[in-house]
C-alpha atoms as a PDB file:
ATOM      1  CA  MET A   1       0.136  -0.140  -0.198  1.00  0.00           C
ATOM      2  CA  ALA A   2       2.860   2.174   0.901  1.00  0.00           C
ATOM      3  CA  ARG A   3       4.552   1.840  -2.683  1.00  0.00           C
ATOM      4  CA  LEU A   4       1.069   2.521  -4.299  1.00  0.00           C
ATOM      5  CA  THR A   5       0.633   5.567  -2.240  1.00  0.00           C
ATOM      6  CA  ILE A   6       4.409   6.884  -3.751  1.00  0.00           C
ATOM      7  CA  LEU A   7       3.839   5.917  -6.998  1.00  0.00           C
ATOM      8  CA  LEU A   8       0.219   7.671  -7.165  1.00  0.00           C
ATOM      9  CA  VAL A   9       1.798  10.802  -5.380  1.00  0.00           C
ATOM     10  CA  ALA A  10       4.780  10.867  -7.977  1.00  0.00           C
ATOM     11  CA  LEU A  11       2.290  10.546 -10.849  1.00  0.00           C
ATOM     12  CA  VAL A  12       0.473  13.389  -9.655  1.00  0.00           C
ATOM     13  CA  ALA A  13       3.406  15.529  -9.184  1.00  0.00           C
ATOM     14  CA  ALA A  14       4.364  14.688 -13.025  1.00  0.00           C
ATOM     15  CA  MET A  15       0.822  15.357 -14.601  1.00  0.00           C
ATOM     16  CA  ALA A  16       1.328  19.032 -14.514  1.00  0.00           C
ATOM     17  CA  THR A  17       3.164  21.521 -12.217  1.00  0.00           C
ATOM     18  CA  ALA A  18      -0.470  23.339 -11.380  1.00  0.00           C
ATOM     19  CA  PHE A  19      -1.653  19.986  -9.860  1.00  0.00           C
ATOM     20  CA  ALA A  20      -0.348  19.483  -6.380  1.00  0.00           C
ATOM     21  CA  PRO A  21       0.418  16.325  -5.033  1.00  0.00           C
ATOM     22  CA  VAL A  22      -2.078  15.113  -2.403  1.00  0.00           C
ATOM     23  CA  PRO A  23      -2.452  12.242   0.120  1.00  0.00           C
ATOM     24  CA  LEU A  24      -4.854   9.293  -0.742  1.00  0.00           C
ATOM     25  CA  SER A  25      -8.780  10.156   0.325  1.00  0.00           C
ATOM     26  CA  ARG A  26     -11.601   8.084   1.009  1.00  0.00           C
ATOM     27  CA  THR A  27     -13.526  10.040  -1.319  1.00  0.00           C
ATOM     28  CA  VAL A  28     -13.176  11.017  -5.440  1.00  0.00           C
ATOM     29  CA  SER A  29     -13.243  14.927  -5.587  1.00  0.00           C
ATOM     30  CA  THR A  30     -12.032  17.797  -7.350  1.00  0.00           C
ATOM     31  CA  THR A  31     -11.255  21.088  -5.984  1.00  0.00           C
ATOM     32  CA  ALA A  32      -9.655  23.976  -6.717  1.00  0.00           C
ATOM     33  CA  LEU A  33      -7.627  25.871  -3.886  1.00  0.00           C
ATOM     34  CA  ASN A  34      -5.763  28.939  -4.223  1.00  0.00           C
ATOM     35  CA  GLY A  35      -5.583  28.602  -8.004  1.00  0.00           C
ATOM     36  CA  GLN A  36      -4.354  25.148  -7.590  1.00  0.00           C
ATOM     37  CA  THR A  37      -6.376  21.876  -8.754  1.00  0.00           C
ATOM     38  CA  ARG A  38      -6.615  18.907  -6.223  1.00  0.00           C
ATOM     39  CA  VAL A  39      -7.816  15.830  -7.705  1.00  0.00           C
ATOM     40  CA  GLU A  40      -8.547  12.689  -5.266  1.00  0.00           C
ATOM     41  CA  VAL A  41      -9.091   9.134  -6.027  1.00  0.00           C
ATOM     42  CA  LYS A  42     -10.007   6.482  -3.687  1.00  0.00           C
ATOM     43  CA  ILE A  43      -7.831   3.651  -4.247  1.00  0.00           C
ATOM     44  CA  GLY A  44      -9.598   0.377  -2.969  1.00  0.00           C
ATOM     45  CA  GLU A  45      -7.689  -2.709  -0.790  1.00  0.00           C
ATOM     46  CA  GLY A  46      -6.092  -4.830  -3.877  1.00  0.00           C
ATOM     47  CA  GLU A  47      -7.238  -2.701  -6.534  1.00  0.00           C
ATOM     48  CA  PRO A  48      -4.903  -2.822  -9.761  1.00  0.00           C
ATOM     49  CA  ILE A  49      -2.839   0.611 -10.193  1.00  0.00           C
ATOM     50  CA  GLU A  50      -3.890   0.309 -13.759  1.00  0.00           C
ATOM     51  CA  SER A  51      -7.706   0.913 -12.902  1.00  0.00           C
ATOM     52  CA  ALA A  52      -6.409   3.568 -10.218  1.00  0.00           C
ATOM     53  CA  LEU A  53      -4.564   5.222 -12.911  1.00  0.00           C
ATOM     54  CA  ARG A  54      -7.558   4.913 -15.255  1.00  0.00           C
ATOM     55  CA  ARG A  55     -10.024   6.944 -12.861  1.00  0.00           C
ATOM     56  CA  PHE A  56      -7.074   9.369 -12.124  1.00  0.00           C
ATOM     57  CA  LYS A  57      -6.969  10.409 -15.605  1.00  0.00           C
ATOM     58  CA  ARG A  58     -11.001  10.449 -16.211  1.00  0.00           C
ATOM     59  CA  GLU A  59     -11.290  12.619 -13.070  1.00  0.00           C
ATOM     60  CA  VAL A  60      -8.351  14.975 -14.146  1.00  0.00           C
ATOM     61  CA  ASN A  61      -9.923  15.219 -17.589  1.00  0.00           C
ATOM     62  CA  LYS A  62     -13.545  15.822 -16.250  1.00  0.00           C
ATOM     63  CA  SER A  63     -12.008  18.999 -14.056  1.00  0.00           C
ATOM     64  CA  GLY A  64     -11.626  20.663 -17.128  1.00  0.00           C
ATOM     65  CA  HIS A  65      -8.407  22.130 -15.641  1.00  0.00           C
ATOM     66  CA  LEU A  66      -6.044  20.759 -18.128  1.00  0.00           C
ATOM     67  CA  MET A  67      -8.006  22.532 -20.837  1.00  0.00           C
ATOM     68  CA  ASP A  68      -7.644  25.763 -19.129  1.00  0.00           C
ATOM     69  CA  LEU A  69      -3.928  25.667 -18.642  1.00  0.00           C
ATOM     70  CA  ARG A  70      -3.801  24.861 -22.520  1.00  0.00           C
ATOM     71  CA  HIS A  71      -5.615  27.821 -23.216  1.00  0.00           C
ATOM     72  CA  LYS A  72      -3.692  30.054 -21.004  1.00  0.00           C
ATOM     73  CA  ARG A  73      -0.513  28.846 -22.142  1.00  0.00           C
ATOM     74  CA  TYR A  74      -0.720  32.073 -24.425  1.00  0.00           C
ATOM     75  CA  PHE A  75      -2.120  35.212 -24.311  1.00  0.00           C
ATOM     76  CA  GLU A  76      -5.533  35.309 -25.458  1.00  0.00           C
ATOM     77  CA  ASN A  77      -7.419  38.725 -25.959  1.00  0.00           C
ATOM     78  CA  SER A  78     -10.983  38.994 -24.992  1.00  0.00           C
ATOM     79  CA  GLN A  79     -12.431  38.842 -28.542  1.00  0.00           C
ATOM     80  CA  ASP A  80     -10.508  35.450 -29.011  1.00  0.00           C
ATOM     81  CA  ARG A  81     -11.551  34.174 -26.030  1.00  0.00           C
ATOM     82  CA  LYS A  82     -15.313  34.818 -26.564  1.00  0.00           C
ATOM     83  CA  LYS A  83     -14.850  33.480 -30.420  1.00  0.00           C
ATOM     84  CA  ARG A  84     -13.622  29.875 -28.649  1.00  0.00           C
ATOM     85  CA  LYS A  85     -16.273  30.154 -25.900  1.00  0.00           C
ATOM     86  CA  ILE A  86     -19.190  30.260 -28.842  1.00  0.00           C
ATOM     87  CA  VAL A  87     -17.626  27.415 -30.762  1.00  0.00           C
ATOM     88  CA  GLN A  88     -17.229  25.318 -27.423  1.00  0.00           C
ATOM     89  CA  ALA A  89     -21.262  26.109 -26.531  1.00  0.00           C
ATOM     90  CA  ARG A  90     -21.767  25.206 -30.491  1.00  0.00           C
ATOM     91  CA  ILE A  91     -20.345  21.744 -29.943  1.00  0.00           C
ATOM     92  CA  ARG A  92     -21.548  21.112 -26.428  1.00  0.00           C
ATOM     93  CA  LYS A  93     -25.134  22.068 -27.717  1.00  0.00           C
ATOM     94  CA  ARG A  94     -24.885  19.959 -31.005  1.00  0.00           C
ATOM     95  CA  LEU A  95     -23.610  16.958 -28.530  1.00  0.00           C
ATOM     96  CA  GLU A  96     -26.447  17.363 -26.278  1.00  0.00           C
ATOM     97  CA  ARG A  97     -29.026  17.332 -29.344  1.00  0.00           C
ATOM     98  CA  MET A  98     -27.538  14.315 -30.259  1.00  0.00           C
ATOM     99  CA  ASN A  99     -27.322  12.568 -26.956  1.00  0.00           C
ATOM    100  CA  ALA A 100     -30.921  13.365 -26.372  1.00  0.00           C
ATOM    101  CA  ARG A 101     -31.904  12.144 -30.268  1.00  0.00           C
ATOM    102  CA  ARG A 102     -30.349   8.835 -29.074  1.00  0.00           C
ATOM    103  CA  MET A 103     -32.270   8.549 -26.051  1.00  0.00           C
ATOM    104  CA  ARG A 104     -35.739   9.143 -27.545  1.00  0.00           C
ATOM    105  CA  GLN A 105     -34.495   6.546 -30.280  1.00  0.00           C
ATOM    106  CA  ARG A 106     -33.954   3.930 -27.693  1.00  0.00           C
ATOM    107  CA  ARG A 107     -37.103   4.502 -25.942  1.00  0.00           C
ATOM    108  CA  SER A 108     -39.055   3.902 -28.921  1.00  0.00           C
END
């Protein structure tokens, strides 16, 4: 268990400098503290490291902070930011419509 903890903490530190290494927790949560993102994943007794890493990566992707860091890598003026947000909203709405259509088709 100690080896697993050390490996997970090393992985968190290597993912990005914006992610602070945290000890293991009993809950799966993502919080932002002082501009830093904290992702916690519970590791069950005897759980393979591959599945824990997969869940950790999924939580990091769901938090959306890596995308934010990618956009903040270079300066983006307000007009460009507004255009990007409009495109993202368009894509999100399209996916929502597609999922709603899929759900309606499954019901009938």
